[in-house]
Amino acid sequence: MGCVGFDALLRHGFDVVAVLSHRDDPHEEIWWESLAERAAERGVAVHFPESMKDPAVHDLIAGYRPDFLFSFYFRYMIPPAILELAPRGALNLHGSLLPRLRGRAPVNWALVEGEEQTGVSLHYMVAKPDAGDLVDQEAVPIALHDTAFSLYAKLEDAAATVLDRALPALREGTAEARPLDLAAGSYRGGRRPDDGLVDWSSSARRIYDLVRAVTHPYPGAFTYLDGQKLFVWWALAGAGAGTPGEILSVDLDGVVVAAGDGAVRLISIQPEGLPESPAVALSDLLGLVPGRIFDSKA
């Protein structure tokens, strides 16, 4: 999303004087384009602050005398004292239809919660997260087969649309904005790998939504079988009944497991420490036979 925003600013004649980004984490799967590399290729100064609360970061930004500040999926909260350095406004691009899903990981949360649409919102930043006046937003439908990865790609296209509409007016000083009704929205915190634990007492649809929300390139949904951790990289919801977590059947299309309502067909799984494989290919190795029960704890 950072590159989408950066490219849009250049496309609309903004003079980008500096980029602040985060250094890549060697333990994190990097699947997005590097904004730092894109900016450096354009001769734009790039900085990697470790904390936005560091007075030196405030002074660094102040030295550029910016008219605007833009945040495109920046990972850190920006203190009010820095927001105030931009006399024409500090704006953020958020991956939901604000005021819904304010906060962290909105793309993943939209899928976890079974939303049928989401979108991107361009809004002014204030001290409270994702709470400033809304400049523009664009809705995106969520297809039943969407994962967080495919939905993110849709949101990148929507972000370009929003910025192409809003940036000319922002530059000319004619952009309008309206307050957000926070009481009509929702707030969600960050997600951790442990949040991928499958609760087999949930409905089959809810389990499917979790799987697609955290499958590749995210850490993945997971369960346990006799204490062994097992990642679920793809599954489908369907009909069936039994004790939640109980294997109902095994066939060439996967392993069918009972949920609180319905059943989940495990299609692609991965025992911890082993390669990812079709579920049916691991049935003999793991003893995936009707009657065995997956658990939600080790």
C-alpha atoms as a PDB file:
ATOM      1  CA  MET A   1       0.000   0.000   0.000  1.00  0.00           C
ATOM      2  CA  GLY A   2       2.932   2.313   0.620  1.00  0.00           C
ATOM      3  CA  CYS A   3       4.020   2.121  -3.014  1.00  0.00           C
ATOM      4  CA  VAL A   4       0.452   2.759  -4.198  1.00  0.00           C
ATOM      5  CA  GLY A   5       0.342   5.932  -2.137  1.00  0.00           C
ATOM      6  CA  PHE A   6       3.833   7.047  -3.098  1.00  0.00           C
ATOM      7  CA  ASP A   7       3.135   6.567  -6.802  1.00  0.00           C
ATOM      8  CA  ALA A   8      -0.148   8.471  -6.526  1.00  0.00           C
ATOM      9  CA  LEU A   9       1.559  11.445  -4.897  1.00  0.00           C
ATOM     10  CA  LEU A  10       4.097  11.617  -7.707  1.00  0.00           C
ATOM     11  CA  ARG A  11       1.392  11.133 -10.313  1.00  0.00           C
ATOM     12  CA  HIS A  12      -0.459  14.174  -8.996  1.00  0.00           C
ATOM     13  CA  GLY A  13       2.566  16.435  -8.798  1.00  0.00           C
ATOM     14  CA  PHE A  14       3.343  16.315  -5.088  1.00  0.00           C
ATOM     15  CA  ASP A  15       6.971  16.928  -4.161  1.00  0.00           C
ATOM     16  CA  VAL A  16       7.782  13.995  -1.881  1.00  0.00           C
ATOM     17  CA  VAL A  17      10.766  15.166   0.164  1.00  0.00           C
ATOM     18  CA  ALA A  18      11.186  12.186   2.493  1.00  0.00           C
ATOM     19  CA  VAL A  19       9.859   8.738   3.326  1.00  0.00           C
ATOM     20  CA  LEU A  20       9.781   7.172   6.784  1.00  0.00           C
ATOM     21  CA  SER A  21       9.441   3.405   6.807  1.00  0.00           C
ATOM     22  CA  HIS A  22      10.291   0.355   8.902  1.00  0.00           C
ATOM     23  CA  ARG A  23      13.189  -1.990   8.355  1.00  0.00           C
ATOM     24  CA  ASP A  24      12.279  -5.456   7.097  1.00  0.00           C
ATOM     25  CA  ASP A  25      12.051  -8.083   9.831  1.00  0.00           C
ATOM     26  CA  PRO A  26      14.093 -11.172   8.831  1.00  0.00           C
ATOM     27  CA  HIS A  27      11.512 -13.335  10.657  1.00  0.00           C
ATOM     28  CA  GLU A  28       8.593 -11.908   8.694  1.00  0.00           C
ATOM     29  CA  GLU A  29       7.429 -13.109   5.291  1.00  0.00           C
ATOM     30  CA  ILE A  30       7.865 -10.109   2.971  1.00  0.00           C
ATOM     31  CA  TRP A  31       5.236 -10.187   0.246  1.00  0.00           C
ATOM     32  CA  TRP A  32       4.734  -6.499  -0.503  1.00  0.00           C
ATOM     33  CA  GLU A  33       6.735  -4.081  -2.623  1.00  0.00           C
ATOM     34  CA  SER A  34       9.351  -2.120  -0.700  1.00  0.00           C
ATOM     35  CA  LEU A  35       8.460   1.545  -0.357  1.00  0.00           C
ATOM     36  CA  ALA A  36      11.972   2.283   0.877  1.00  0.00           C
ATOM     37  CA  GLU A  37      13.478   0.849  -2.309  1.00  0.00           C
ATOM     38  CA  ARG A  38      10.955   2.625  -4.520  1.00  0.00           C
ATOM     39  CA  ALA A  39      11.677   5.968  -2.859  1.00  0.00           C
ATOM     40  CA  ALA A  40      15.447   5.503  -2.962  1.00  0.00           C
ATOM     41  CA  GLU A  41      15.259   4.748  -6.690  1.00  0.00           C
ATOM     42  CA  ARG A  42      13.551   8.120  -7.115  1.00  0.00           C
ATOM     43  CA  GLY A  43      16.218   9.916  -5.108  1.00  0.00           C
ATOM     44  CA  VAL A  44      13.911  10.537  -2.149  1.00  0.00           C
ATOM     45  CA  ALA A  45      15.475  10.508   1.318  1.00  0.00           C
ATOM     46  CA  VAL A  46      14.481   7.427   3.342  1.00  0.00           C
ATOM     47  CA  HIS A  47      14.568   7.153   7.132  1.00  0.00           C
ATOM     48  CA  PHE A  48      13.897   4.216   9.454  1.00  0.00           C
ATOM     49  CA  PRO A  49      12.739   5.555  12.826  1.00  0.00           C
ATOM     50  CA  GLU A  50      12.618   3.065  15.680  1.00  0.00           C
ATOM     51  CA  SER A  51      10.146   5.193  17.610  1.00  0.00           C
ATOM     52  CA  MET A  52       7.971   8.095  16.551  1.00  0.00           C
ATOM     53  CA  LYS A  53       8.203   9.361  20.129  1.00  0.00           C
ATOM     54  CA  ASP A  54      11.917  10.079  19.744  1.00  0.00           C
ATOM     55  CA  PRO A  55      12.429  13.878  19.800  1.00  0.00           C
ATOM     56  CA  ALA A  56      15.021  13.462  17.054  1.00  0.00           C
ATOM     57  CA  VAL A  57      12.315  12.114  14.734  1.00  0.00           C
ATOM     58  CA  HIS A  58      10.167  15.169  15.447  1.00  0.00           C
ATOM     59  CA  ASP A  59      13.098  17.424  14.658  1.00  0.00           C
ATOM     60  CA  LEU A  60      13.923  15.454  11.503  1.00  0.00           C
ATOM     61  CA  ILE A  61      10.414  15.902  10.124  1.00  0.00           C
ATOM     62  CA  ALA A  62      10.238  19.530  11.215  1.00  0.00           C
ATOM     63  CA  GLY A  63      13.415  20.184   9.272  1.00  0.00           C
ATOM     64  CA  TYR A  64      11.683  19.222   6.045  1.00  0.00           C
ATOM     65  CA  ARG A  65       8.962  21.846   6.654  1.00  0.00           C
ATOM     66  CA  PRO A  66       6.225  19.632   5.163  1.00  0.00           C
ATOM     67  CA  ASP A  67       2.899  20.967   3.929  1.00  0.00           C
ATOM     68  CA  PHE A  68       1.292  17.533   4.207  1.00  0.00           C
ATOM     69  CA  LEU A  69       2.031  14.275   5.969  1.00  0.00           C
ATOM     70  CA  PHE A  70       0.657  11.055   4.488  1.00  0.00           C
ATOM     71  CA  SER A  71       0.526   7.682   6.207  1.00  0.00           C
ATOM     72  CA  PHE A  72       0.101   4.689   3.908  1.00  0.00           C
ATOM     73  CA  TYR A  73      -0.057   1.628   6.178  1.00  0.00           C
ATOM     74  CA  PHE A  74       2.658   3.063   8.419  1.00  0.00           C
ATOM     75  CA  ARG A  75       3.123   0.746  11.403  1.00  0.00           C
ATOM     76  CA  TYR A  76       3.581   3.306  14.148  1.00  0.00           C
ATOM     77  CA  MET A  77       1.171   5.693  15.800  1.00  0.00           C
ATOM     78  CA  ILE A  78       2.156   9.255  14.982  1.00  0.00           C
ATOM     79  CA  PRO A  79       2.145  11.645  17.976  1.00  0.00           C
ATOM     80  CA  PRO A  80       0.003  14.794  17.780  1.00  0.00           C
ATOM     81  CA  ALA A  81       3.132  16.957  17.975  1.00  0.00           C
ATOM     82  CA  ILE A  82       4.288  15.488  14.654  1.00  0.00           C
ATOM     83  CA  LEU A  83       0.841  15.705  13.060  1.00  0.00           C
ATOM     84  CA  GLU A  84       0.863  19.418  13.835  1.00  0.00           C
ATOM     85  CA  LEU A  85       4.009  19.901  11.742  1.00  0.00           C
ATOM     86  CA  ALA A  86       1.931  19.715   8.540  1.00  0.00           C
ATOM     87  CA  PRO A  87      -0.082  22.953   8.213  1.00  0.00           C
ATOM     88  CA  ARG A  88      -2.197  21.562   5.377  1.00  0.00           C
ATOM     89  CA  GLY A  89      -2.982  18.328   7.142  1.00  0.00           C
ATOM     90  CA  ALA A  90      -1.808  14.839   8.044  1.00  0.00           C
ATOM     91  CA  LEU A  91      -3.770  12.113   6.291  1.00  0.00           C
ATOM     92  CA  ASN A  92      -3.956   8.350   6.636  1.00  0.00           C
ATOM     93  CA  LEU A  93      -5.113   5.638   4.258  1.00  0.00           C
ATOM     94  CA  HIS A  94      -6.945   2.937   6.226  1.00  0.00           C
ATOM     95  CA  GLY A  95      -8.002  -0.475   4.941  1.00  0.00           C
ATOM     96  CA  SER A  96     -11.669  -0.459   5.913  1.00  0.00           C
ATOM     97  CA  LEU A  97     -14.846   1.535   5.436  1.00  0.00           C
ATOM     98  CA  LEU A  98     -14.459   3.803   8.426  1.00  0.00           C
ATOM     99  CA  PRO A  99     -15.828   4.022  11.030  1.00  0.00           C
ATOM    100  CA  ARG A 100     -16.037   0.219  10.798  1.00  0.00           C
ATOM    101  CA  LEU A 101     -12.941  -1.742  11.788  1.00  0.00           C
ATOM    102  CA  ARG A 102     -10.843   1.082  13.105  1.00  0.00           C
ATOM    103  CA  GLY A 103      -7.503  -0.081  14.484  1.00  0.00           C
ATOM    104  CA  ARG A 104      -5.126  -2.819  13.426  1.00  0.00           C
ATOM    105  CA  ALA A 105      -5.275  -5.550  10.756  1.00  0.00           C
ATOM    106  CA  PRO A 106      -8.574  -4.416   9.198  1.00  0.00           C
ATOM    107  CA  VAL A 107      -8.212  -6.667   6.144  1.00  0.00           C
ATOM    108  CA  ASN A 108      -7.838  -9.787   8.280  1.00  0.00           C
ATOM    109  CA  TRP A 109     -10.594  -8.744  10.660  1.00  0.00           C
ATOM    110  CA  ALA A 110     -13.021  -8.128   7.789  1.00  0.00           C
ATOM    111  CA  LEU A 111     -12.614 -11.769   6.757  1.00  0.00           C
ATOM    112  CA  VAL A 112     -12.606 -13.180  10.284  1.00  0.00           C
ATOM    113  CA  GLU A 113     -15.903 -11.436  10.947  1.00  0.00           C
ATOM    114  CA  GLY A 114     -17.505 -12.602   7.720  1.00  0.00           C
ATOM    115  CA  GLU A 115     -18.000  -9.148   6.222  1.00  0.00           C
ATOM    116  CA  GLU A 116     -19.435  -9.008   2.711  1.00  0.00           C
ATOM    117  CA  GLN A 117     -17.701  -5.754   1.827  1.00  0.00           C
ATOM    118  CA  THR A 118     -14.902  -3.559   3.074  1.00  0.00           C
ATOM    119  CA  GLY A 119     -12.876  -0.792   1.466  1.00  0.00           C
ATOM    120  CA  VAL A 120     -10.327   1.951   1.949  1.00  0.00           C
ATOM    121  CA  SER A 121     -10.745   5.320   3.625  1.00  0.00           C
ATOM    122  CA  LEU A 122      -8.653   8.480   3.405  1.00  0.00           C
ATOM    123  CA  HIS A 123      -8.999  10.556   6.549  1.00  0.00           C
ATOM    124  CA  TYR A 124      -7.248  13.212   8.581  1.00  0.00           C
ATOM    125  CA  MET A 125      -5.188  11.920  11.483  1.00  0.00           C
ATOM    126  CA  VAL A 126      -5.861  12.962  15.062  1.00  0.00           C
ATOM    127  CA  ALA A 127      -4.593  11.633  18.395  1.00  0.00           C
ATOM    128  CA  LYS A 128      -7.254   8.891  18.463  1.00  0.00           C
ATOM    129  CA  PRO A 129      -6.606   6.076  15.946  1.00  0.00           C
ATOM    130  CA  ASP A 130      -8.574   6.249  12.702  1.00  0.00           C
ATOM    131  CA  ALA A 131     -10.915   8.879  14.101  1.00  0.00           C
ATOM    132  CA  GLY A 132     -10.270  12.036  12.081  1.00  0.00           C
ATOM    133  CA  ASP A 133     -12.543  13.562   9.468  1.00  0.00           C
ATOM    134  CA  LEU A 134     -13.164  11.450   6.370  1.00  0.00           C
ATOM    135  CA  VAL A 135     -12.064  12.814   2.991  1.00  0.00           C
ATOM    136  CA  ASP A 136     -13.034   9.899   0.731  1.00  0.00           C
ATOM    137  CA  GLN A 137     -13.556   6.144   0.687  1.00  0.00           C
ATOM    138  CA  GLU A 138     -14.155   3.365  -1.802  1.00  0.00           C
ATOM    139  CA  ALA A 139     -16.057   0.134  -1.128  1.00  0.00           C
ATOM    140  CA  VAL A 140     -14.836  -3.289  -2.264  1.00  0.00           C
ATOM    141  CA  PRO A 141     -16.972  -6.462  -2.292  1.00  0.00           C
ATOM    142  CA  ILE A 142     -15.568  -9.489  -0.488  1.00  0.00           C
ATOM    143  CA  ALA A 143     -15.976 -12.653  -2.544  1.00  0.00           C
ATOM    144  CA  LEU A 144     -16.560 -15.986  -0.839  1.00  0.00           C
ATOM    145  CA  HIS A 145     -13.190 -17.257  -2.123  1.00  0.00           C
ATOM    146  CA  ASP A 146     -11.194 -14.163  -1.112  1.00  0.00           C
ATOM    147  CA  THR A 147      -8.212 -14.516   1.199  1.00  0.00           C
ATOM    148  CA  ALA A 148      -6.446 -11.675   2.985  1.00  0.00           C
ATOM    149  CA  PHE A 149      -3.901 -11.657   0.160  1.00  0.00           C
ATOM    150  CA  SER A 150      -6.451 -11.364  -2.652  1.00  0.00           C
ATOM    151  CA  LEU A 151      -8.522  -8.846  -0.712  1.00  0.00           C
ATOM    152  CA  TYR A 152      -5.440  -6.714  -0.075  1.00  0.00           C
ATOM    153  CA  ALA A 153      -4.825  -6.594  -3.840  1.00  0.00           C
ATOM    154  CA  LYS A 154      -8.386  -5.353  -4.358  1.00  0.00           C
ATOM    155  CA  LEU A 155      -7.843  -2.692  -1.713  1.00  0.00           C
ATOM    156  CA  GLU A 156      -4.690  -1.493  -3.454  1.00  0.00           C
ATOM    157  CA  ASP A 157      -6.760  -0.823  -6.568  1.00  0.00           C
ATOM    158  CA  ALA A 158      -9.401   0.933  -4.471  1.00  0.00           C
ATOM    159  CA  ALA A 159      -6.701   3.002  -2.774  1.00  0.00           C
ATOM    160  CA  ALA A 160      -5.425   4.242  -6.126  1.00  0.00           C
ATOM    161  CA  THR A 161      -8.990   5.223  -7.039  1.00  0.00           C
ATOM    162  CA  VAL A 162      -9.494   7.138  -3.794  1.00  0.00           C
ATOM    163  CA  LEU A 163      -6.179   8.956  -4.098  1.00  0.00           C
ATOM    164  CA  ASP A 164      -6.768   9.863  -7.733  1.00  0.00           C
ATOM    165  CA  ARG A 165     -10.044  11.473  -6.666  1.00  0.00           C
ATOM    166  CA  ALA A 166      -8.834  13.159  -3.503  1.00  0.00           C
ATOM    167  CA  LEU A 167      -5.273  14.322  -4.138  1.00  0.00           C
ATOM    168  CA  PRO A 168      -6.059  17.026  -6.724  1.00  0.00           C
ATOM    169  CA  ALA A 169      -8.559  18.642  -4.353  1.00  0.00           C
ATOM    170  CA  LEU A 170      -6.158  18.366  -1.422  1.00  0.00           C
ATOM    171  CA  ARG A 171      -3.435  20.015  -3.448  1.00  0.00           C
ATOM    172  CA  GLU A 172      -5.760  22.837  -4.520  1.00  0.00           C
ATOM    173  CA  GLY A 173      -7.119  23.282  -0.996  1.00  0.00           C
ATOM    174  CA  THR A 174     -10.693  22.455  -2.005  1.00  0.00           C
ATOM    175  CA  ALA A 175     -11.065  18.991  -0.457  1.00  0.00           C
ATOM    176  CA  GLU A 176     -14.096  18.493   1.744  1.00  0.00           C
ATOM    177  CA  ALA A 177     -14.241  16.242   4.795  1.00  0.00           C
ATOM    178  CA  ARG A 178     -16.919  15.058   7.187  1.00  0.00           C
ATOM    179  CA  PRO A 179     -16.745  13.824  10.778  1.00  0.00           C
ATOM    180  CA  LEU A 180     -16.861  10.099  11.449  1.00  0.00           C
ATOM    181  CA  ASP A 181     -19.634   8.741  13.651  1.00  0.00           C
ATOM    182  CA  LEU A 182     -17.438   6.549  15.841  1.00  0.00           C
ATOM    183  CA  ALA A 183     -20.432   5.252  17.792  1.00  0.00           C
ATOM    184  CA  ALA A 184     -21.687   3.610  14.600  1.00  0.00           C
ATOM    185  CA  GLY A 185     -18.377   1.877  13.951  1.00  0.00           C
ATOM    186  CA  SER A 186     -16.075  -0.657  15.579  1.00  0.00           C
ATOM    187  CA  TYR A 187     -12.485  -0.952  16.771  1.00  0.00           C
ATOM    188  CA  ARG A 188     -10.211  -3.998  16.599  1.00  0.00           C
ATOM    189  CA  GLY A 189      -6.744  -4.509  17.997  1.00  0.00           C
ATOM    190  CA  GLY A 190      -3.752  -6.153  16.404  1.00  0.00           C
ATOM    191  CA  ARG A 191      -3.722  -9.845  15.604  1.00  0.00           C
ATOM    192  CA  ARG A 192      -1.056 -12.313  16.758  1.00  0.00           C
ATOM    193  CA  PRO A 193      -0.140 -15.736  15.360  1.00  0.00           C
ATOM    194  CA  ASP A 194      -1.865 -17.361  18.360  1.00  0.00           C
ATOM    195  CA  ASP A 195      -5.157 -15.847  17.195  1.00  0.00           C
ATOM    196  CA  GLY A 196      -5.153 -18.431  14.397  1.00  0.00           C
ATOM    197  CA  LEU A 197      -6.193 -21.221  16.789  1.00  0.00           C
ATOM    198  CA  VAL A 198      -9.277 -23.023  15.438  1.00  0.00           C
ATOM    199  CA  ASP A 199     -12.235 -23.262  17.811  1.00  0.00           C
ATOM    200  CA  TRP A 200     -14.064 -26.347  16.581  1.00  0.00           C
ATOM    201  CA  SER A 201     -17.198 -25.376  18.515  1.00  0.00           C
ATOM    202  CA  SER A 202     -17.591 -22.437  16.120  1.00  0.00           C
ATOM    203  CA  SER A 203     -19.670 -22.765  12.966  1.00  0.00           C
ATOM    204  CA  ALA A 204     -18.065 -24.226   9.860  1.00  0.00           C
ATOM    205  CA  ARG A 205     -18.434 -20.874   8.114  1.00  0.00           C
ATOM    206  CA  ARG A 206     -16.684 -19.032  10.926  1.00  0.00           C
ATOM    207  CA  ILE A 207     -13.803 -21.511  10.846  1.00  0.00           C
ATOM    208  CA  TYR A 208     -13.537 -21.102   7.082  1.00  0.00           C
ATOM    209  CA  ASP A 209     -13.463 -17.322   7.500  1.00  0.00           C
ATOM    210  CA  LEU A 210     -10.595 -17.659   9.988  1.00  0.00           C
ATOM    211  CA  VAL A 211      -8.635 -19.926   7.634  1.00  0.00           C
ATOM    212  CA  ARG A 212      -8.916 -17.561   4.682  1.00  0.00           C
ATOM    213  CA  ALA A 213      -8.139 -14.550   6.867  1.00  0.00           C
ATOM    214  CA  VAL A 214      -4.766 -15.898   7.992  1.00  0.00           C
ATOM    215  CA  THR A 215      -3.639 -18.271   5.232  1.00  0.00           C
ATOM    216  CA  HIS A 216      -0.500 -17.469   3.202  1.00  0.00           C
ATOM    217  CA  PRO A 217       1.265 -15.093   3.490  1.00  0.00           C
ATOM    218  CA  TYR A 218       0.004 -14.777   7.075  1.00  0.00           C
ATOM    219  CA  PRO A 219       0.931 -17.179   9.916  1.00  0.00           C
ATOM    220  CA  GLY A 220      -1.980 -19.561   9.323  1.00  0.00           C
ATOM    221  CA  ALA A 221      -4.867 -21.143  11.217  1.00  0.00           C
ATOM    222  CA  PHE A 222      -3.923 -24.143  13.340  1.00  0.00           C
ATOM    223  CA  THR A 223      -5.251 -26.927  15.528  1.00  0.00           C
ATOM    224  CA  TYR A 224      -3.836 -29.865  17.488  1.00  0.00           C
ATOM    225  CA  LEU A 225      -4.042 -33.629  17.125  1.00  0.00           C
ATOM    226  CA  ASP A 226      -2.791 -35.541  20.166  1.00  0.00           C
ATOM    227  CA  GLY A 227      -0.621 -32.569  21.071  1.00  0.00           C
ATOM    228  CA  GLN A 228       0.880 -32.117  17.594  1.00  0.00           C
ATOM    229  CA  LYS A 229       0.362 -28.696  16.048  1.00  0.00           C
ATOM    230  CA  LEU A 230      -1.223 -28.786  12.615  1.00  0.00           C
ATOM    231  CA  PHE A 231      -1.593 -25.755  10.323  1.00  0.00           C
ATOM    232  CA  VAL A 232      -4.697 -25.477   8.155  1.00  0.00           C
ATOM    233  CA  TRP A 233      -3.789 -23.543   5.012  1.00  0.00           C
ATOM    234  CA  TRP A 234      -6.999 -24.157   3.109  1.00  0.00           C
ATOM    235  CA  ALA A 235     -10.410 -25.555   3.924  1.00  0.00           C
ATOM    236  CA  LEU A 236     -14.048 -25.247   2.909  1.00  0.00           C
ATOM    237  CA  ALA A 237     -17.263 -25.106   4.916  1.00  0.00           C
ATOM    238  CA  GLY A 238     -20.036 -27.620   4.300  1.00  0.00           C
ATOM    239  CA  ALA A 239     -22.672 -29.831   5.865  1.00  0.00           C
ATOM    240  CA  GLY A 240     -22.090 -32.469   8.513  1.00  0.00           C
ATOM    241  CA  ALA A 241     -22.700 -33.261  12.162  1.00  0.00           C
ATOM    242  CA  GLY A 242     -20.712 -34.751  14.993  1.00  0.00           C
ATOM    243  CA  THR A 243     -18.656 -33.864  18.034  1.00  0.00           C
ATOM    244  CA  PRO A 244     -16.813 -30.594  17.290  1.00  0.00           C
ATOM    245  CA  GLY A 245     -13.330 -31.472  16.044  1.00  0.00           C
ATOM    246  CA  GLU A 246     -14.233 -35.073  15.182  1.00  0.00           C
ATOM    247  CA  ILE A 247     -13.062 -36.472  11.861  1.00  0.00           C
ATOM    248  CA  LEU A 248     -16.192 -37.587  10.013  1.00  0.00           C
ATOM    249  CA  SER A 249     -14.716 -38.907   6.780  1.00  0.00           C
ATOM    250  CA  VAL A 250     -11.619 -38.981   4.580  1.00  0.00           C
ATOM    251  CA  ASP A 251     -11.728 -39.027   0.791  1.00  0.00           C
ATOM    252  CA  LEU A 252      -9.761 -37.787  -2.199  1.00  0.00           C
ATOM    253  CA  ASP A 253     -11.104 -34.260  -1.665  1.00  0.00           C
ATOM    254  CA  GLY A 254      -9.867 -33.926   1.890  1.00  0.00           C
ATOM    255  CA  VAL A 255     -10.606 -34.639   5.529  1.00  0.00           C
ATOM    256  CA  VAL A 256     -14.077 -33.692   6.809  1.00  0.00           C
ATOM    257  CA  VAL A 257     -14.186 -32.474  10.413  1.00  0.00           C
ATOM    258  CA  ALA A 258     -17.295 -31.659  12.457  1.00  0.00           C
ATOM    259  CA  ALA A 259     -17.773 -28.100  13.652  1.00  0.00           C
ATOM    260  CA  GLY A 260     -20.249 -26.574  16.089  1.00  0.00           C
ATOM    261  CA  ASP A 261     -22.574 -26.089  13.144  1.00  0.00           C
ATOM    262  CA  GLY A 262     -21.781 -27.944   9.933  1.00  0.00           C
ATOM    263  CA  ALA A 263     -18.430 -29.413   8.957  1.00  0.00           C
ATOM    264  CA  VAL A 264     -15.098 -28.239   7.588  1.00  0.00           C
ATOM    265  CA  ARG A 265     -13.263 -30.001   4.779  1.00  0.00           C
ATOM    266  CA  LEU A 266      -9.511 -29.725   5.361  1.00  0.00           C
ATOM    267  CA  ILE A 267      -7.823 -29.458   1.985  1.00  0.00           C
ATOM    268  CA  SER A 268      -4.254 -28.264   2.567  1.00  0.00           C
ATOM    269  CA  ILE A 269      -2.545 -28.833   5.918  1.00  0.00           C
ATOM    270  CA  GLN A 270       0.925 -28.844   7.427  1.00  0.00           C
ATOM    271  CA  PRO A 271       2.134 -30.657  10.533  1.00  0.00           C
ATOM    272  CA  GLU A 272       4.573 -28.414  12.370  1.00  0.00           C
ATOM    273  CA  GLY A 273       8.077 -29.085  11.080  1.00  0.00           C
ATOM    274  CA  LEU A 274       6.920 -30.813   7.893  1.00  0.00           C
ATOM    275  CA  PRO A 275       6.025 -29.519   4.416  1.00  0.00           C
ATOM    276  CA  GLU A 276       2.520 -28.390   3.515  1.00  0.00           C
ATOM    277  CA  SER A 277       0.564 -31.131   1.720  1.00  0.00           C
ATOM    278  CA  PRO A 278      -2.952 -32.075   0.626  1.00  0.00           C
ATOM    279  CA  ALA A 279      -4.786 -33.325   3.703  1.00  0.00           C
ATOM    280  CA  VAL A 280      -5.597 -36.685   2.137  1.00  0.00           C
ATOM    281  CA  ALA A 281      -1.898 -37.276   1.392  1.00  0.00           C
ATOM    282  CA  LEU A 282      -1.142 -37.050   5.113  1.00  0.00           C
ATOM    283  CA  SER A 283      -4.007 -39.223   6.301  1.00  0.00           C
ATOM    284  CA  ASP A 284      -1.895 -42.368   6.744  1.00  0.00           C
ATOM    285  CA  LEU A 285       1.103 -40.568   8.238  1.00  0.00           C
ATOM    286  CA  LEU A 286      -1.007 -38.719  10.806  1.00  0.00           C
ATOM    287  CA  GLY A 287      -3.641 -41.381  11.328  1.00  0.00           C
ATOM    288  CA  LEU A 288      -6.464 -39.176  10.088  1.00  0.00           C
ATOM    289  CA  VAL A 289      -9.350 -41.617  10.381  1.00  0.00           C
ATOM    290  CA  PRO A 290     -13.017 -41.154  11.313  1.00  0.00           C
ATOM    291  CA  GLY A 291     -13.526 -40.823  15.035  1.00  0.00           C
ATOM    292  CA  ARG A 292     -10.265 -39.061  15.889  1.00  0.00           C
ATOM    293  CA  ILE A 293     -10.732 -35.611  17.336  1.00  0.00           C
ATOM    294  CA  PHE A 294      -8.810 -32.398  16.730  1.00  0.00           C
ATOM    295  CA  ASP A 295      -8.327 -30.253  19.799  1.00  0.00           C
ATOM    296  CA  SER A 296      -8.028 -26.521  20.422  1.00  0.00           C
ATOM    297  CA  LYS A 297      -5.119 -26.930  22.829  1.00  0.00           C
ATOM    298  CA  ALA A 298      -1.819 -28.779  22.919  1.00  0.00           C
END
